[in-house]
Protein backbone atom coordinates (compact mmCIF):
# COMPACT_ATOMS: atom_id res chain seq x y z
CA MET A 1 -66.81 -8.88 -152.02
CA ALA A 2 -69.42 -6.81 -150.21
CA HIS A 3 -68.39 -3.50 -148.75
CA PHE A 4 -70.09 -2.04 -145.72
CA PRO A 5 -69.13 1.50 -144.67
CA VAL A 6 -67.36 1.55 -141.32
CA ASN A 7 -68.24 4.16 -138.66
CA HIS A 8 -70.79 5.91 -140.89
CA PRO A 9 -71.61 9.37 -139.48
CA ALA A 10 -75.36 8.61 -139.44
CA ARG A 11 -74.88 5.36 -137.52
CA PRO A 12 -76.64 6.66 -134.37
CA ILE A 13 -79.70 7.61 -136.43
CA TYR A 14 -79.82 4.13 -137.95
CA ARG A 15 -79.59 2.54 -134.52
CA VAL A 16 -82.47 4.72 -133.32
CA LEU A 17 -84.54 3.68 -136.36
CA SER A 18 -83.98 -0.01 -135.67
CA GLY A 19 -84.75 0.60 -131.98
CA ILE A 20 -88.06 2.32 -132.84
CA ILE A 21 -89.02 -0.56 -135.11
CA GLY A 22 -88.07 -3.04 -132.39
CA LEU A 23 -90.12 -1.14 -129.82
CA TYR A 24 -93.16 -1.03 -132.12
CA ILE A 25 -92.89 -4.76 -132.78
CA LEU A 26 -92.46 -5.51 -129.06
CA VAL A 27 -95.51 -3.41 -128.11
CA PHE A 28 -97.51 -4.93 -130.97
CA GLY A 29 -96.61 -8.43 -129.80
CA ALA A 30 -97.35 -7.78 -126.13
CA TRP A 31 -100.69 -6.16 -126.97
CA GLY A 32 -101.46 -9.01 -129.37
CA ILE A 33 -100.73 -11.61 -126.70
CA ALA A 34 -103.07 -9.80 -124.32
CA GLN A 35 -105.81 -9.64 -126.95
CA THR A 36 -105.48 -13.22 -128.24
CA ALA A 37 -104.82 -14.96 -124.92
CA GLY A 38 -106.96 -18.07 -124.59
CA GLU A 39 -107.36 -18.56 -128.34
CA PHE A 40 -105.82 -21.30 -130.45
CA LEU A 41 -102.15 -20.59 -131.28
CA PHE A 42 -102.75 -20.35 -135.05
CA ALA A 43 -106.33 -19.02 -134.95
CA ARG A 44 -107.62 -17.18 -138.01
CA GLU A 45 -109.90 -14.82 -136.09
CA SER A 46 -110.23 -11.12 -136.85
CA ASN A 47 -107.89 -9.74 -134.17
CA TRP A 48 -106.36 -6.36 -135.04
CA VAL A 49 -103.63 -4.67 -133.01
CA LEU A 50 -102.02 -1.34 -133.99
CA GLY A 51 -103.50 -1.63 -137.49
CA LEU A 52 -102.21 -5.16 -138.16
CA ARG A 53 -104.01 -8.49 -137.99
CA THR A 54 -102.54 -11.05 -135.62
CA ASN A 55 -102.97 -14.30 -133.79
CA LEU A 56 -101.24 -15.71 -130.71
CA ALA A 57 -98.36 -17.30 -132.67
CA PHE A 58 -97.59 -14.09 -134.57
CA SER A 59 -97.80 -12.07 -131.35
CA ILE A 60 -95.34 -14.35 -129.55
CA ALA A 61 -92.95 -14.20 -132.53
CA SER A 62 -93.29 -10.40 -132.52
CA VAL A 63 -92.30 -10.15 -128.86
CA ILE A 64 -89.22 -12.27 -129.56
CA PHE A 65 -88.21 -10.26 -132.64
CA GLY A 66 -88.93 -6.94 -130.93
CA ALA A 67 -86.67 -7.87 -128.02
CA PHE A 68 -84.06 -9.12 -130.53
CA LEU A 69 -84.09 -5.76 -132.34
CA LEU A 70 -83.95 -3.73 -129.15
CA ILE A 71 -80.92 -5.71 -127.97
CA GLY A 72 -79.24 -5.12 -131.33
CA ALA A 73 -80.02 -1.41 -131.30
CA SER A 74 -78.64 -1.00 -127.79
CA ARG A 75 -75.24 -2.51 -128.64
CA ARG A 76 -72.46 -0.31 -129.98
CA THR A 77 -70.68 -3.26 -131.52
CA ASN A 78 -71.09 -5.11 -134.79
CA LEU A 79 -73.65 -7.36 -133.11
CA GLY A 80 -76.34 -4.79 -133.98
CA HIS A 81 -75.04 -4.64 -137.55
CA TYR A 82 -75.44 -8.39 -138.04
CA MET A 83 -78.74 -8.51 -136.14
CA ASN A 84 -80.24 -5.78 -138.35
CA LEU A 85 -79.06 -7.46 -141.54
CA THR A 86 -80.50 -10.78 -140.38
CA ALA A 87 -83.79 -9.29 -139.19
CA GLY A 88 -84.20 -7.32 -142.42
CA ILE A 89 -83.81 -10.44 -144.51
CA VAL A 90 -86.14 -12.43 -142.24
CA PHE A 91 -88.84 -9.73 -142.43
CA LEU A 92 -88.59 -9.49 -146.22
CA VAL A 93 -88.66 -13.26 -146.78
CA THR A 94 -91.51 -13.74 -144.29
CA SER A 95 -93.61 -11.00 -145.85
CA ILE A 96 -93.17 -12.43 -149.34
CA LEU A 97 -93.96 -15.97 -148.20
CA MET A 98 -97.02 -14.86 -146.22
CA MET A 99 -98.23 -12.76 -149.15
CA SER A 100 -98.10 -15.85 -151.35
CA VAL A 101 -100.45 -17.72 -148.97
CA LEU A 102 -102.57 -14.74 -147.93
CA GLN A 103 -105.95 -16.04 -149.13
CA THR A 104 -105.34 -19.71 -148.29
CA GLY A 105 -105.54 -21.91 -145.23
CA ALA A 106 -101.73 -21.85 -145.05
CA ASN A 107 -101.86 -18.28 -143.66
CA PHE A 108 -100.93 -19.61 -140.21
CA LEU A 109 -99.72 -16.22 -138.91
CA ASN A 110 -103.05 -14.58 -139.83
CA PHE A 111 -101.41 -11.92 -142.04
CA SER A 112 -103.42 -9.33 -143.92
CA MET A 113 -102.14 -7.24 -146.83
CA SER A 114 -101.43 -4.36 -144.44
CA THR A 115 -99.31 -6.71 -142.31
CA VAL A 116 -97.40 -7.77 -145.42
CA ILE A 117 -96.73 -4.16 -146.42
CA VAL A 118 -95.57 -3.16 -142.92
CA SER A 119 -93.33 -6.24 -142.74
CA MET A 120 -91.77 -5.35 -146.09
CA LEU A 121 -91.18 -1.75 -145.01
CA PHE A 122 -89.65 -2.88 -141.72
CA GLY A 123 -87.47 -5.37 -143.59
CA LEU A 124 -86.20 -2.72 -145.99
CA VAL A 125 -85.47 -0.22 -143.21
CA LEU A 126 -83.71 -2.86 -141.12
CA LEU A 127 -81.68 -4.02 -144.09
CA GLY A 128 -80.69 -0.40 -144.77
CA THR A 129 -79.72 0.19 -141.15
CA GLY A 130 -77.71 -3.02 -141.18
CA LEU A 131 -75.79 -1.83 -144.22
CA TYR A 132 -74.65 1.39 -142.56
CA ASP A 133 -74.13 0.66 -138.88
CA LYS A 134 -70.92 -1.36 -139.01
CA VAL A 135 -68.40 -0.38 -136.34
CA GLY A 136 -64.65 -0.48 -136.75
CA PRO A 137 -61.48 1.15 -135.49
CA PRO A 138 -61.05 4.82 -136.49
CA GLU A 139 -57.92 3.93 -138.48
CA LEU A 140 -59.93 1.67 -140.78
CA ALA A 141 -62.54 4.37 -141.37
CA GLU A 142 -59.81 6.93 -142.13
CA ALA A 143 -58.12 4.52 -144.56
CA GLU A 144 -61.44 3.99 -146.36
CA GLN A 145 -62.01 7.74 -146.59
CA ARG A 146 -58.52 8.28 -148.04
CA HIS A 147 -59.17 5.51 -150.58
CA ARG A 148 -62.50 7.08 -151.62
CA ASP A 149 -60.90 10.54 -151.90
CA LYS A 150 -58.10 9.09 -154.03
CA GLN A 151 -60.59 7.41 -156.37
CA ILE A 152 -62.56 10.66 -156.74
CA SER A 153 -59.43 12.71 -157.49
CA GLU A 154 -58.25 10.13 -160.04
CA ALA A 155 -61.65 10.15 -161.73
CA ASN A 156 -61.61 13.95 -161.99
CA THR A 157 -58.17 14.18 -163.62
CA PRO A 158 -58.12 13.85 -167.43
């Protein structure tokens, strides 16, 4: 069974990280929509925004995901935990799939290798933040800490 730390002391930092990523993606998407407005939804033109290649479809998806991440980062509940885990997996899977079709006509989101790399980095950071931003009652966190301390003391005794 998977174990996620509850009430990790660095949880606010992780929420800020996911919020910064969400803000970047939201700004990227909005700027991309403004730059690609009037073009075909899945155009393969050379439109670059904030160092990443885009088209109208990818820009619209970025606005949606950016807003999704900002909502998750602003919540102090486990909603943000699950949203970050989900978004991290989605970013990783999407980047791998788009990398596999990068030089083909199936590159419908107009990814470049830099877009793939940034998507992978965002996916890894979001997955990491999702692993450590679980919220629970203080009693549960204290019980986990006692359990960890007990395991450490038992491991140190001969």
